[in-house]
Amino acid sequence: MGGFSFWHILLFALLVLLLFGGNRFSAMMGDVAKGLKNFKAGMADDDEEQRRRYEQQQRDQSRLGSPNHPIDVTAHPRSADPVAPPPPPPPAQDPRV
């Protein structure tokens, strides 16, 4: 009642070979192999794309400044002042002059 023994697997393989035939079975295995190869190539392309994106981000960060340096967030002395009132209007000229 355990797993499959060697004889069970051999009998199953022989049954599959008889049902599908040698030529048809090898064609199916060839298609499976092509599918696996295409899958691996697709995964490699994704890895390549992720690597290019990472390198581009690194270049952008090096142009903008290193993220390892702290950013100065202290308030500028003028920005801490309240808004200055508008300047007084110029003196009105006397119309008699």
C-alpha atoms as a PDB file:
ATOM      1  CA  MET A   1       0.000   0.000   0.000  1.00  0.00           C
ATOM      2  CA  GLY A   2       3.025   2.310  -0.323  1.00  0.00           C
ATOM      3  CA  GLY A   3       4.300   4.077  -3.410  1.00  0.00           C
ATOM      4  CA  PHE A   4       4.944   2.759  -6.859  1.00  0.00           C
ATOM      5  CA  SER A   5       7.672   0.206  -7.337  1.00  0.00           C
ATOM      6  CA  PHE A   6       9.974  -0.062 -10.309  1.00  0.00           C
ATOM      7  CA  TRP A   7       7.681  -2.668 -11.901  1.00  0.00           C
ATOM      8  CA  HIS A   8       4.632  -0.436 -11.625  1.00  0.00           C
ATOM      9  CA  ILE A   9       6.441   2.413 -13.369  1.00  0.00           C
ATOM     10  CA  LEU A  10       7.793   0.078 -16.070  1.00  0.00           C
ATOM     11  CA  LEU A  11       4.315  -1.347 -16.707  1.00  0.00           C
ATOM     12  CA  PHE A  12       2.838   2.158 -16.910  1.00  0.00           C
ATOM     13  CA  ALA A  13       5.529   3.283 -19.382  1.00  0.00           C
ATOM     14  CA  LEU A  14       4.911   0.186 -21.541  1.00  0.00           C
ATOM     15  CA  LEU A  15       1.163   0.877 -21.531  1.00  0.00           C
ATOM     16  CA  VAL A  16       1.698   4.503 -22.576  1.00  0.00           C
ATOM     17  CA  LEU A  17       4.071   3.394 -25.332  1.00  0.00           C
ATOM     18  CA  LEU A  18       1.510   0.889 -26.650  1.00  0.00           C
ATOM     19  CA  LEU A  19      -1.343   3.421 -26.574  1.00  0.00           C
ATOM     20  CA  PHE A  20       0.469   6.277 -28.246  1.00  0.00           C
ATOM     21  CA  GLY A  21       3.038   4.416 -30.319  1.00  0.00           C
ATOM     22  CA  GLY A  22       6.761   5.080 -30.407  1.00  0.00           C
ATOM     23  CA  ASN A  23       6.719   7.768 -33.085  1.00  0.00           C
ATOM     24  CA  ARG A  24       3.837   9.723 -31.601  1.00  0.00           C
ATOM     25  CA  PHE A  25       5.276   9.459 -28.093  1.00  0.00           C
ATOM     26  CA  SER A  26       8.681  10.786 -29.184  1.00  0.00           C
ATOM     27  CA  ALA A  27       6.976  13.653 -31.030  1.00  0.00           C
ATOM     28  CA  MET A  28       5.083  14.554 -27.842  1.00  0.00           C
ATOM     29  CA  MET A  29       8.286  14.455 -25.803  1.00  0.00           C
ATOM     30  CA  GLY A  30       9.968  16.656 -28.426  1.00  0.00           C
ATOM     31  CA  ASP A  31       7.131  19.176 -28.080  1.00  0.00           C
ATOM     32  CA  VAL A  32       7.490  19.083 -24.303  1.00  0.00           C
ATOM     33  CA  ALA A  33      11.237  19.689 -24.634  1.00  0.00           C
ATOM     34  CA  LYS A  34      10.641  22.665 -26.964  1.00  0.00           C
ATOM     35  CA  GLY A  35       8.107  24.066 -24.529  1.00  0.00           C
ATOM     36  CA  LEU A  36      10.559  23.802 -21.645  1.00  0.00           C
ATOM     37  CA  LYS A  37      13.287  25.429 -23.725  1.00  0.00           C
ATOM     38  CA  ASN A  38      10.980  28.330 -24.646  1.00  0.00           C
ATOM     39  CA  PHE A  39       9.925  28.685 -21.010  1.00  0.00           C
ATOM     40  CA  LYS A  40      13.541  28.906 -19.869  1.00  0.00           C
ATOM     41  CA  ALA A  41      14.331  31.446 -22.599  1.00  0.00           C
ATOM     42  CA  GLY A  42      11.352  33.545 -21.503  1.00  0.00           C
ATOM     43  CA  MET A  43      12.486  33.442 -17.894  1.00  0.00           C
ATOM     44  CA  ALA A  44      15.998  34.496 -18.954  1.00  0.00           C
ATOM     45  CA  ASP A  45      14.508  37.422 -20.908  1.00  0.00           C
ATOM     46  CA  ASP A  46      12.553  38.520 -17.834  1.00  0.00           C
ATOM     47  CA  ASP A  47      15.705  38.334 -15.714  1.00  0.00           C
ATOM     48  CA  GLU A  48      17.580  40.381 -18.319  1.00  0.00           C
ATOM     49  CA  GLU A  49      14.830  43.020 -18.372  1.00  0.00           C
ATOM     50  CA  GLN A  50      14.832  43.253 -14.554  1.00  0.00           C
ATOM     51  CA  ARG A  51      18.622  43.608 -14.561  1.00  0.00           C
ATOM     52  CA  ARG A  52      18.448  46.431 -17.127  1.00  0.00           C
ATOM     53  CA  ARG A  53      15.763  48.236 -15.101  1.00  0.00           C
ATOM     54  CA  TYR A  54      17.848  47.904 -11.917  1.00  0.00           C
ATOM     55  CA  GLU A  55      20.956  49.265 -13.651  1.00  0.00           C
ATOM     56  CA  GLN A  56      18.938  52.190 -15.060  1.00  0.00           C
ATOM     57  CA  GLN A  57      17.643  53.014 -11.567  1.00  0.00           C
ATOM     58  CA  GLN A  58      21.187  52.903 -10.214  1.00  0.00           C
ATOM     59  CA  ARG A  59      22.365  55.308 -12.951  1.00  0.00           C
ATOM     60  CA  ASP A  60      19.465  57.670 -12.253  1.00  0.00           C
ATOM     61  CA  GLN A  61      20.176  57.646  -8.521  1.00  0.00           C
ATOM     62  CA  SER A  62      23.886  58.295  -9.066  1.00  0.00           C
ATOM     63  CA  ARG A  63      23.016  61.326 -11.221  1.00  0.00           C
ATOM     64  CA  LEU A  64      20.606  62.688  -8.607  1.00  0.00           C
ATOM     65  CA  GLY A  65      22.835  61.966  -5.668  1.00  0.00           C
ATOM     66  CA  SER A  66      23.611  58.969  -3.594  1.00  0.00           C
ATOM     67  CA  PRO A  67      20.677  57.699  -1.505  1.00  0.00           C
ATOM     68  CA  ASN A  68      23.155  56.796   1.242  1.00  0.00           C
ATOM     69  CA  HIS A  69      23.700  60.456   2.119  1.00  0.00           C
ATOM     70  CA  PRO A  70      21.088  62.000   4.388  1.00  0.00           C
ATOM     71  CA  ILE A  71      18.908  64.695   2.916  1.00  0.00           C
ATOM     72  CA  ASP A  72      18.962  68.047   4.703  1.00  0.00           C
ATOM     73  CA  VAL A  73      15.418  68.744   5.872  1.00  0.00           C
ATOM     74  CA  THR A  74      16.136  71.624   8.249  1.00  0.00           C
ATOM     75  CA  ALA A  75      14.025  74.713   7.661  1.00  0.00           C
ATOM     76  CA  HIS A  76      15.582  77.598   5.818  1.00  0.00           C
ATOM     77  CA  PRO A  77      15.819  80.676   8.108  1.00  0.00           C
ATOM     78  CA  ARG A  78      13.586  82.774   5.832  1.00  0.00           C
ATOM     79  CA  SER A  79      10.988  80.032   5.476  1.00  0.00           C
ATOM     80  CA  ALA A  80      10.558  79.939   9.252  1.00  0.00           C
ATOM     81  CA  ASP A  81       9.564  83.634   9.308  1.00  0.00           C
ATOM     82  CA  PRO A  82       5.874  84.484   9.070  1.00  0.00           C
ATOM     83  CA  VAL A  83       4.739  85.982   5.835  1.00  0.00           C
ATOM     84  CA  ALA A  84       5.867  89.568   5.656  1.00  0.00           C
ATOM     85  CA  PRO A  85       3.139  92.189   5.238  1.00  0.00           C
ATOM     86  CA  PRO A  86       2.989  93.928   1.882  1.00  0.00           C
ATOM     87  CA  PRO A  87       4.930  97.182   1.590  1.00  0.00           C
ATOM     88  CA  PRO A  88       2.993 100.381   2.349  1.00  0.00           C
ATOM     89  CA  PRO A  89       1.481 102.181  -0.630  1.00  0.00           C
ATOM     90  CA  PRO A  90       3.399 105.151  -1.968  1.00  0.00           C
ATOM     91  CA  PRO A  91       2.387 108.493  -0.529  1.00  0.00           C
ATOM     92  CA  ALA A  92      -0.463 110.183  -2.373  1.00  0.00           C
ATOM     93  CA  GLN A  93       0.529 113.246  -4.320  1.00  0.00           C
ATOM     94  CA  ASP A  94      -1.255 116.483  -3.650  1.00  0.00           C
ATOM     95  CA  PRO A  95      -3.380 117.379  -6.699  1.00  0.00           C
ATOM     96  CA  ARG A  96      -2.765 121.110  -6.108  1.00  0.00           C
ATOM     97  CA  VAL A  97       0.917 120.844  -6.785  1.00  0.00           C
END
